[in-house]
């Protein structure tokens, strides 16, 4: 299987913005084991700005573009240092890829990106992808890493995208305010009602919410890729997901 895993800021970091060491260590261990089993693994990782916020001792996630980009520049170093160190313990090599919307929309740049990804996978590396927040602006930004992960998954011909977040999946209503909300195990069609019921951003450090995840699912399923939303609190859920199980929501490809 060619597996793309997207991990959100809420999974990587504590509310303080500091790294959730136990969880990140577990994530790298599980992904390394999955790769050892013969699967190709691509990691789309949020967290650069959030980790930069913690590293720079800022009181909250910044709103102005220069401070966001400064936090991303600091946080990306910390993020890749951590991944390189942890994956190396399991004898895997990581590769950093930072892209913007321009790199996807421009046919020439997109071809170079796909060719590089293919070669990295052939060479046995684990690509770690993030949006290039230090240079991205509103005009060239993908917007969020759920969408970025979906676009990457379709372009590299992935079999499955797994979005690891702070929620088990898609519910019939908001489980935070409705105790009767039920987890939807499988979705074969994304309806306007689902999109309308989706809320905003999840955590104060992240940018993704259920709406971005549903849009990502739409991109994936139209492009021939299955997508899963699952809780990243226990990364070993990935073992169950690739076997067809686990507490999650699965969006089935339309192709």
C-alpha atoms as a PDB file:
ATOM      1  CA  UNK A   1       0.000   0.000   0.000  1.00  0.00           C
ATOM      2  CA  UNK A   2       1.095   3.561  -0.693  1.00  0.00           C
ATOM      3  CA  UNK A   3      -0.025   5.321   2.481  1.00  0.00           C
ATOM      4  CA  UNK A   4      -0.173   9.058   3.157  1.00  0.00           C
ATOM      5  CA  UNK A   5      -0.586  10.054   6.799  1.00  0.00           C
ATOM      6  CA  UNK A   6      -1.381  13.632   7.763  1.00  0.00           C
ATOM      7  CA  UNK A   7      -0.842  14.610  11.370  1.00  0.00           C
ATOM      8  CA  UNK A   8      -2.286  17.816  12.781  1.00  0.00           C
ATOM      9  CA  UNK A   9      -0.874  20.304  15.236  1.00  0.00           C
ATOM     10  CA  UNK A  10      -3.318  19.145  17.919  1.00  0.00           C
ATOM     11  CA  UNK A  11      -1.775  15.668  17.691  1.00  0.00           C
ATOM     12  CA  UNK A  12       1.856  16.788  17.606  1.00  0.00           C
ATOM     13  CA  UNK A  13       1.800  19.430  20.307  1.00  0.00           C
ATOM     14  CA  UNK A  14       0.381  20.142  23.725  1.00  0.00           C
ATOM     15  CA  UNK A  15      -1.889  23.167  24.144  1.00  0.00           C
ATOM     16  CA  UNK A  16       1.226  25.108  25.171  1.00  0.00           C
ATOM     17  CA  UNK A  17       2.677  24.639  21.695  1.00  0.00           C
ATOM     18  CA  UNK A  18       5.447  22.432  23.104  1.00  0.00           C
ATOM     19  CA  UNK A  19       6.057  19.054  21.484  1.00  0.00           C
ATOM     20  CA  UNK A  20       4.014  16.096  22.708  1.00  0.00           C
ATOM     21  CA  UNK A  21       7.084  13.878  22.964  1.00  0.00           C
ATOM     22  CA  UNK A  22       5.357  10.582  23.789  1.00  0.00           C
ATOM     23  CA  UNK A  23       2.900  10.865  20.933  1.00  0.00           C
ATOM     24  CA  UNK A  24       5.436  11.894  18.299  1.00  0.00           C
ATOM     25  CA  UNK A  25       7.780   9.094  19.353  1.00  0.00           C
ATOM     26  CA  UNK A  26       4.932   6.589  19.064  1.00  0.00           C
ATOM     27  CA  UNK A  27       3.911   7.955  15.653  1.00  0.00           C
ATOM     28  CA  UNK A  28       7.430   7.560  14.264  1.00  0.00           C
ATOM     29  CA  UNK A  29       7.695   4.051  15.713  1.00  0.00           C
ATOM     30  CA  UNK A  30       4.395   2.927  14.164  1.00  0.00           C
ATOM     31  CA  UNK A  31       5.144   4.481  10.755  1.00  0.00           C
ATOM     32  CA  UNK A  32       8.589   2.860  10.763  1.00  0.00           C
ATOM     33  CA  UNK A  33       7.038  -0.523  11.519  1.00  0.00           C
ATOM     34  CA  UNK A  34       4.427  -0.075   8.777  1.00  0.00           C
ATOM     35  CA  UNK A  35       7.215   0.751   6.352  1.00  0.00           C
ATOM     36  CA  UNK A  36       9.175  -2.300   7.523  1.00  0.00           C
ATOM     37  CA  UNK A  37       6.108  -4.387   6.620  1.00  0.00           C
ATOM     38  CA  UNK A  38       6.506  -3.320   2.989  1.00  0.00           C
ATOM     39  CA  UNK A  39       4.253  -0.281   2.669  1.00  0.00           C
ATOM     40  CA  UNK A  40       5.350   3.068   1.244  1.00  0.00           C
ATOM     41  CA  UNK A  41       4.872   5.874   3.769  1.00  0.00           C
ATOM     42  CA  UNK A  42       4.472   9.607   3.145  1.00  0.00           C
ATOM     43  CA  UNK A  43       3.987  11.947   6.102  1.00  0.00           C
ATOM     44  CA  UNK A  44       2.241  15.302   5.741  1.00  0.00           C
ATOM     45  CA  UNK A  45       2.993  17.150   8.939  1.00  0.00           C
ATOM     46  CA  UNK A  46       1.499  20.283  10.376  1.00  0.00           C
ATOM     47  CA  UNK A  47       3.032  21.849  13.443  1.00  0.00           C
ATOM     48  CA  UNK A  48       5.727  24.220  12.204  1.00  0.00           C
ATOM     49  CA  UNK A  49       3.940  27.405  13.258  1.00  0.00           C
ATOM     50  CA  UNK A  50       2.624  25.812  16.452  1.00  0.00           C
ATOM     51  CA  UNK A  51       6.086  24.591  17.443  1.00  0.00           C
ATOM     52  CA  UNK A  52       7.559  27.946  16.518  1.00  0.00           C
ATOM     53  CA  UNK A  53       5.066  29.599  18.861  1.00  0.00           C
ATOM     54  CA  UNK A  54       6.364  27.426  21.694  1.00  0.00           C
ATOM     55  CA  UNK A  55      10.018  27.802  20.723  1.00  0.00           C
ATOM     56  CA  UNK A  56       9.740  31.606  20.554  1.00  0.00           C
ATOM     57  CA  UNK A  57       7.706  31.707  23.788  1.00  0.00           C
ATOM     58  CA  UNK A  58       4.849  33.567  22.109  1.00  0.00           C
ATOM     59  CA  UNK A  59       1.664  33.842  24.162  1.00  0.00           C
ATOM     60  CA  UNK A  60      -0.597  32.602  21.311  1.00  0.00           C
ATOM     61  CA  UNK A  61      -0.654  31.698  17.648  1.00  0.00           C
ATOM     62  CA  UNK A  62       0.129  34.918  15.711  1.00  0.00           C
ATOM     63  CA  UNK A  63      -2.348  36.508  13.336  1.00  0.00           C
ATOM     64  CA  UNK A  64      -0.044  38.739  11.273  1.00  0.00           C
ATOM     65  CA  UNK A  65       1.760  37.186   8.302  1.00  0.00           C
ATOM     66  CA  UNK A  66       5.379  38.177   9.202  1.00  0.00           C
ATOM     67  CA  UNK A  67       5.136  36.635  12.684  1.00  0.00           C
ATOM     68  CA  UNK A  68       3.430  33.509  11.312  1.00  0.00           C
ATOM     69  CA  UNK A  69       6.230  33.099   8.794  1.00  0.00           C
ATOM     70  CA  UNK A  70       8.897  33.741  11.436  1.00  0.00           C
ATOM     71  CA  UNK A  71       7.299  31.128  13.717  1.00  0.00           C
ATOM     72  CA  UNK A  72       7.158  28.675  10.800  1.00  0.00           C
ATOM     73  CA  UNK A  73      10.851  29.204  10.015  1.00  0.00           C
ATOM     74  CA  UNK A  74      11.825  28.426  13.615  1.00  0.00           C
ATOM     75  CA  UNK A  75       9.306  25.617  14.067  1.00  0.00           C
ATOM     76  CA  UNK A  76      10.162  23.815  10.826  1.00  0.00           C
ATOM     77  CA  UNK A  77      13.757  23.362  12.002  1.00  0.00           C
ATOM     78  CA  UNK A  78      12.556  21.877  15.261  1.00  0.00           C
ATOM     79  CA  UNK A  79      10.026  19.656  13.508  1.00  0.00           C
ATOM     80  CA  UNK A  80      12.477  18.153  11.009  1.00  0.00           C
ATOM     81  CA  UNK A  81      15.204  17.731  13.631  1.00  0.00           C
ATOM     82  CA  UNK A  82      12.726  15.727  15.702  1.00  0.00           C
ATOM     83  CA  UNK A  83      11.576  13.545  12.791  1.00  0.00           C
ATOM     84  CA  UNK A  84      15.139  12.925  11.604  1.00  0.00           C
ATOM     85  CA  UNK A  85      16.247  11.890  15.083  1.00  0.00           C
ATOM     86  CA  UNK A  86      13.261   9.622  15.797  1.00  0.00           C
ATOM     87  CA  UNK A  87      13.065   7.880  12.403  1.00  0.00           C
ATOM     88  CA  UNK A  88      16.845   7.338  12.450  1.00  0.00           C
ATOM     89  CA  UNK A  89      16.415   5.216  15.562  1.00  0.00           C
ATOM     90  CA  UNK A  90      14.506   2.755  13.347  1.00  0.00           C
ATOM     91  CA  UNK A  91      17.001   3.046  10.465  1.00  0.00           C
ATOM     92  CA  UNK A  92      14.796   5.142   8.202  1.00  0.00           C
ATOM     93  CA  UNK A  93      15.807   8.268   6.302  1.00  0.00           C
ATOM     94  CA  UNK A  94      13.499  11.273   6.075  1.00  0.00           C
ATOM     95  CA  UNK A  95      13.332  13.897   3.332  1.00  0.00           C
ATOM     96  CA  UNK A  96      11.881  17.374   3.819  1.00  0.00           C
ATOM     97  CA  UNK A  97       9.624  18.772   1.095  1.00  0.00           C
ATOM     98  CA  UNK A  98       8.089  22.244   1.455  1.00  0.00           C
ATOM     99  CA  UNK A  99       5.598  23.276  -1.213  1.00  0.00           C
ATOM    100  CA  UNK A 100       3.096  26.028  -1.972  1.00  0.00           C
ATOM    101  CA  UNK A 101      -0.081  26.146  -4.023  1.00  0.00           C
ATOM    102  CA  UNK A 102       1.966  27.388  -6.959  1.00  0.00           C
ATOM    103  CA  UNK A 103       3.964  24.145  -6.989  1.00  0.00           C
ATOM    104  CA  UNK A 104       0.756  22.157  -7.421  1.00  0.00           C
ATOM    105  CA  UNK A 105      -1.099  24.418  -9.846  1.00  0.00           C
ATOM    106  CA  UNK A 106       1.850  24.920 -12.201  1.00  0.00           C
ATOM    107  CA  UNK A 107       2.083  21.831 -14.446  1.00  0.00           C
ATOM    108  CA  UNK A 108       5.871  21.955 -14.725  1.00  0.00           C
ATOM    109  CA  UNK A 109       6.477  22.336 -11.005  1.00  0.00           C
ATOM    110  CA  UNK A 110       3.896  19.650 -10.233  1.00  0.00           C
ATOM    111  CA  UNK A 111       5.684  17.204 -12.561  1.00  0.00           C
ATOM    112  CA  UNK A 112       9.017  17.883 -10.814  1.00  0.00           C
ATOM    113  CA  UNK A 113       7.353  17.369  -7.423  1.00  0.00           C
ATOM    114  CA  UNK A 114       5.818  14.040  -8.488  1.00  0.00           C
ATOM    115  CA  UNK A 115       9.108  12.846 -10.021  1.00  0.00           C
ATOM    116  CA  UNK A 116      11.006  13.736  -6.854  1.00  0.00           C
ATOM    117  CA  UNK A 117       8.448  11.940  -4.698  1.00  0.00           C
ATOM    118  CA  UNK A 118       8.633   8.808  -6.841  1.00  0.00           C
ATOM    119  CA  UNK A 119      12.432   8.757  -6.652  1.00  0.00           C
ATOM    120  CA  UNK A 120      12.452   9.295  -2.886  1.00  0.00           C
ATOM    121  CA  UNK A 121      10.072   6.372  -2.410  1.00  0.00           C
ATOM    122  CA  UNK A 122      12.185   4.217  -4.738  1.00  0.00           C
ATOM    123  CA  UNK A 123      15.226   5.069  -2.623  1.00  0.00           C
ATOM    124  CA  UNK A 124      13.407   4.044   0.551  1.00  0.00           C
ATOM    125  CA  UNK A 125      13.078   7.491   2.125  1.00  0.00           C
ATOM    126  CA  UNK A 126      10.080   8.796   4.059  1.00  0.00           C
ATOM    127  CA  UNK A 127       9.043  12.155   2.567  1.00  0.00           C
ATOM    128  CA  UNK A 128       7.870  14.647   5.187  1.00  0.00           C
ATOM    129  CA  UNK A 129       5.737  17.304   3.506  1.00  0.00           C
ATOM    130  CA  UNK A 130       4.506  20.636   4.787  1.00  0.00           C
ATOM    131  CA  UNK A 131       3.296  23.828   3.200  1.00  0.00           C
ATOM    132  CA  UNK A 132       6.124  26.337   2.846  1.00  0.00           C
ATOM    133  CA  UNK A 133       4.646  28.762   5.362  1.00  0.00           C
ATOM    134  CA  UNK A 134       7.721  30.990   5.351  1.00  0.00           C
ATOM    135  CA  UNK A 135       6.938  32.173   1.803  1.00  0.00           C
ATOM    136  CA  UNK A 136       3.282  31.230   1.294  1.00  0.00           C
ATOM    137  CA  UNK A 137       0.819  34.091   0.950  1.00  0.00           C
ATOM    138  CA  UNK A 138      -2.921  34.124   0.384  1.00  0.00           C
ATOM    139  CA  UNK A 139      -2.340  34.033  -3.364  1.00  0.00           C
ATOM    140  CA  UNK A 140      -0.082  30.961  -3.434  1.00  0.00           C
ATOM    141  CA  UNK A 141      -1.174  29.114  -0.302  1.00  0.00           C
ATOM    142  CA  UNK A 142      -2.863  25.708  -0.384  1.00  0.00           C
ATOM    143  CA  UNK A 143      -4.624  26.933   2.748  1.00  0.00           C
ATOM    144  CA  UNK A 144      -4.489  23.991   5.139  1.00  0.00           C
ATOM    145  CA  UNK A 145      -2.672  20.699   5.424  1.00  0.00           C
ATOM    146  CA  UNK A 146      -5.823  18.589   5.094  1.00  0.00           C
ATOM    147  CA  UNK A 147      -6.217  19.936   1.566  1.00  0.00           C
ATOM    148  CA  UNK A 148      -2.470  19.688   0.968  1.00  0.00           C
ATOM    149  CA  UNK A 149      -2.492  16.028   2.027  1.00  0.00           C
ATOM    150  CA  UNK A 150      -5.412  15.282  -0.290  1.00  0.00           C
ATOM    151  CA  UNK A 151      -3.758  16.975  -3.264  1.00  0.00           C
ATOM    152  CA  UNK A 152      -0.489  15.163  -2.573  1.00  0.00           C
ATOM    153  CA  UNK A 153      -2.311  11.813  -2.239  1.00  0.00           C
ATOM    154  CA  UNK A 154      -4.039  12.173  -5.609  1.00  0.00           C
ATOM    155  CA  UNK A 155      -0.899  13.355  -7.406  1.00  0.00           C
ATOM    156  CA  UNK A 156       1.328  10.537  -6.105  1.00  0.00           C
ATOM    157  CA  UNK A 157      -1.303   7.845  -6.680  1.00  0.00           C
ATOM    158  CA  UNK A 158      -1.750   6.908  -3.023  1.00  0.00           C
ATOM    159  CA  UNK A 159      -4.029   4.065  -2.013  1.00  0.00           C
ATOM    160  CA  UNK A 160      -5.152   5.771   1.182  1.00  0.00           C
ATOM    161  CA  UNK A 161      -4.889   9.051   3.065  1.00  0.00           C
ATOM    162  CA  UNK A 162      -5.288   8.963   6.840  1.00  0.00           C
ATOM    163  CA  UNK A 163      -5.975  12.267   8.597  1.00  0.00           C
ATOM    164  CA  UNK A 164      -4.959  11.941  12.244  1.00  0.00           C
ATOM    165  CA  UNK A 165      -6.733  14.589  14.292  1.00  0.00           C
ATOM    166  CA  UNK A 166      -8.237  15.138  17.753  1.00  0.00           C
ATOM    167  CA  UNK A 167     -11.570  13.519  16.836  1.00  0.00           C
ATOM    168  CA  UNK A 168     -12.504   9.914  16.024  1.00  0.00           C
ATOM    169  CA  UNK A 169     -14.130  10.797  12.718  1.00  0.00           C
ATOM    170  CA  UNK A 170     -17.290  12.306  11.259  1.00  0.00           C
ATOM    171  CA  UNK A 171     -20.323  12.298  13.564  1.00  0.00           C
ATOM    172  CA  UNK A 172     -24.026  12.701  12.906  1.00  0.00           C
ATOM    173  CA  UNK A 173     -23.775  15.974  14.893  1.00  0.00           C
ATOM    174  CA  UNK A 174     -21.178  17.790  17.004  1.00  0.00           C
ATOM    175  CA  UNK A 175     -20.205  15.306  19.770  1.00  0.00           C
ATOM    176  CA  UNK A 176     -18.932  18.176  21.943  1.00  0.00           C
ATOM    177  CA  UNK A 177     -22.412  19.611  22.271  1.00  0.00           C
ATOM    178  CA  UNK A 178     -24.656  16.622  21.491  1.00  0.00           C
ATOM    179  CA  UNK A 179     -24.289  13.510  23.645  1.00  0.00           C
ATOM    180  CA  UNK A 180     -26.427  11.509  21.200  1.00  0.00           C
ATOM    181  CA  UNK A 181     -24.028  12.103  18.284  1.00  0.00           C
ATOM    182  CA  UNK A 182     -22.958   8.867  16.588  1.00  0.00           C
ATOM    183  CA  UNK A 183     -19.774   8.136  14.691  1.00  0.00           C
ATOM    184  CA  UNK A 184     -20.319   7.498  10.962  1.00  0.00           C
ATOM    185  CA  UNK A 185     -18.191   4.484  10.025  1.00  0.00           C
ATOM    186  CA  UNK A 186     -18.381   4.814   6.234  1.00  0.00           C
ATOM    187  CA  UNK A 187     -19.221   7.587   3.769  1.00  0.00           C
ATOM    188  CA  UNK A 188     -19.767   6.918   0.075  1.00  0.00           C
ATOM    189  CA  UNK A 189     -21.056  10.369  -0.831  1.00  0.00           C
ATOM    190  CA  UNK A 190     -20.327  13.773   0.684  1.00  0.00           C
ATOM    191  CA  UNK A 191     -23.617  15.645   0.782  1.00  0.00           C
ATOM    192  CA  UNK A 192     -24.281  19.402   0.986  1.00  0.00           C
ATOM    193  CA  UNK A 193     -25.855  18.738   4.397  1.00  0.00           C
ATOM    194  CA  UNK A 194     -22.572  17.293   5.691  1.00  0.00           C
ATOM    195  CA  UNK A 195     -20.644  20.315   4.449  1.00  0.00           C
ATOM    196  CA  UNK A 196     -23.186  22.657   5.960  1.00  0.00           C
ATOM    197  CA  UNK A 197     -23.005  20.988   9.362  1.00  0.00           C
ATOM    198  CA  UNK A 198     -19.191  21.070   9.532  1.00  0.00           C
ATOM    199  CA  UNK A 199     -17.695  23.570  11.968  1.00  0.00           C
ATOM    200  CA  UNK A 200     -14.590  25.763  12.008  1.00  0.00           C
ATOM    201  CA  UNK A 201     -11.002  25.236  13.158  1.00  0.00           C
ATOM    202  CA  UNK A 202     -10.431  22.635  15.850  1.00  0.00           C
ATOM    203  CA  UNK A 203      -7.716  23.864  18.229  1.00  0.00           C
ATOM    204  CA  UNK A 204      -6.227  27.283  18.939  1.00  0.00           C
ATOM    205  CA  UNK A 205      -2.904  26.177  17.437  1.00  0.00           C
ATOM    206  CA  UNK A 206      -4.245  24.568  14.266  1.00  0.00           C
ATOM    207  CA  UNK A 207      -6.139  25.706  11.190  1.00  0.00           C
ATOM    208  CA  UNK A 208      -8.070  22.564  10.288  1.00  0.00           C
ATOM    209  CA  UNK A 209     -11.627  21.653  11.200  1.00  0.00           C
ATOM    210  CA  UNK A 210     -14.169  19.134   9.945  1.00  0.00           C
ATOM    211  CA  UNK A 211     -15.030  21.296   6.931  1.00  0.00           C
ATOM    212  CA  UNK A 212     -11.459  21.139   5.607  1.00  0.00           C
ATOM    213  CA  UNK A 213     -11.457  17.377   6.182  1.00  0.00           C
ATOM    214  CA  UNK A 214     -14.658  16.911   4.192  1.00  0.00           C
ATOM    215  CA  UNK A 215     -13.237  18.996   1.372  1.00  0.00           C
ATOM    216  CA  UNK A 216     -10.094  16.865   1.485  1.00  0.00           C
ATOM    217  CA  UNK A 217     -12.263  13.736   1.334  1.00  0.00           C
ATOM    218  CA  UNK A 218     -14.016  15.112  -1.735  1.00  0.00           C
ATOM    219  CA  UNK A 219     -10.664  15.694  -3.472  1.00  0.00           C
ATOM    220  CA  UNK A 220      -9.455  12.203  -2.550  1.00  0.00           C
ATOM    221  CA  UNK A 221     -12.551  10.230  -3.474  1.00  0.00           C
ATOM    222  CA  UNK A 222     -12.909  12.015  -6.802  1.00  0.00           C
ATOM    223  CA  UNK A 223      -9.241  11.294  -7.470  1.00  0.00           C
ATOM    224  CA  UNK A 224      -9.394   7.574  -6.712  1.00  0.00           C
ATOM    225  CA  UNK A 225      -8.002   7.632  -3.163  1.00  0.00           C
ATOM    226  CA  UNK A 226      -9.728   6.300  -0.045  1.00  0.00           C
ATOM    227  CA  UNK A 227      -9.564   8.640   2.949  1.00  0.00           C
ATOM    228  CA  UNK A 228      -9.861   8.026   6.683  1.00  0.00           C
ATOM    229  CA  UNK A 229     -10.371  10.396   9.601  1.00  0.00           C
ATOM    230  CA  UNK A 230      -9.162   8.990  12.927  1.00  0.00           C
ATOM    231  CA  UNK A 231      -8.002  10.131  16.334  1.00  0.00           C
ATOM    232  CA  UNK A 232      -4.229  10.558  16.514  1.00  0.00           C
ATOM    233  CA  UNK A 233      -4.146  10.305  20.297  1.00  0.00           C
ATOM    234  CA  UNK A 234      -2.979   6.683  19.938  1.00  0.00           C
ATOM    235  CA  UNK A 235      -0.992   6.407  16.687  1.00  0.00           C
ATOM    236  CA  UNK A 236      -1.069   2.598  16.740  1.00  0.00           C
ATOM    237  CA  UNK A 237      -4.630   2.867  15.410  1.00  0.00           C
ATOM    238  CA  UNK A 238      -2.880   2.981  12.029  1.00  0.00           C
ATOM    239  CA  UNK A 239      -2.295  -0.786  12.295  1.00  0.00           C
ATOM    240  CA  UNK A 240      -6.052  -1.367  12.466  1.00  0.00           C
ATOM    241  CA  UNK A 241      -6.833   1.157   9.746  1.00  0.00           C
ATOM    242  CA  UNK A 242      -4.604  -0.416   7.104  1.00  0.00           C
ATOM    243  CA  UNK A 243      -6.275  -3.757   7.850  1.00  0.00           C
ATOM    244  CA  UNK A 244      -9.728  -2.255   7.333  1.00  0.00           C
ATOM    245  CA  UNK A 245     -10.660  -1.794  11.001  1.00  0.00           C
ATOM    246  CA  UNK A 246     -10.316   0.790  13.736  1.00  0.00           C
ATOM    247  CA  UNK A 247     -12.632   3.416  15.184  1.00  0.00           C
ATOM    248  CA  UNK A 248     -12.705   5.956  12.357  1.00  0.00           C
ATOM    249  CA  UNK A 249     -14.667   7.270   9.393  1.00  0.00           C
ATOM    250  CA  UNK A 250     -13.789   5.881   5.951  1.00  0.00           C
ATOM    251  CA  UNK A 251     -14.541   7.781   2.785  1.00  0.00           C
ATOM    252  CA  UNK A 252     -14.657   5.401  -0.174  1.00  0.00           C
ATOM    253  CA  UNK A 253     -13.151   6.283  -3.535  1.00  0.00           C
ATOM    254  CA  UNK A 254     -15.571   6.886  -6.382  1.00  0.00           C
ATOM    255  CA  UNK A 255     -13.167   5.362  -8.929  1.00  0.00           C
END
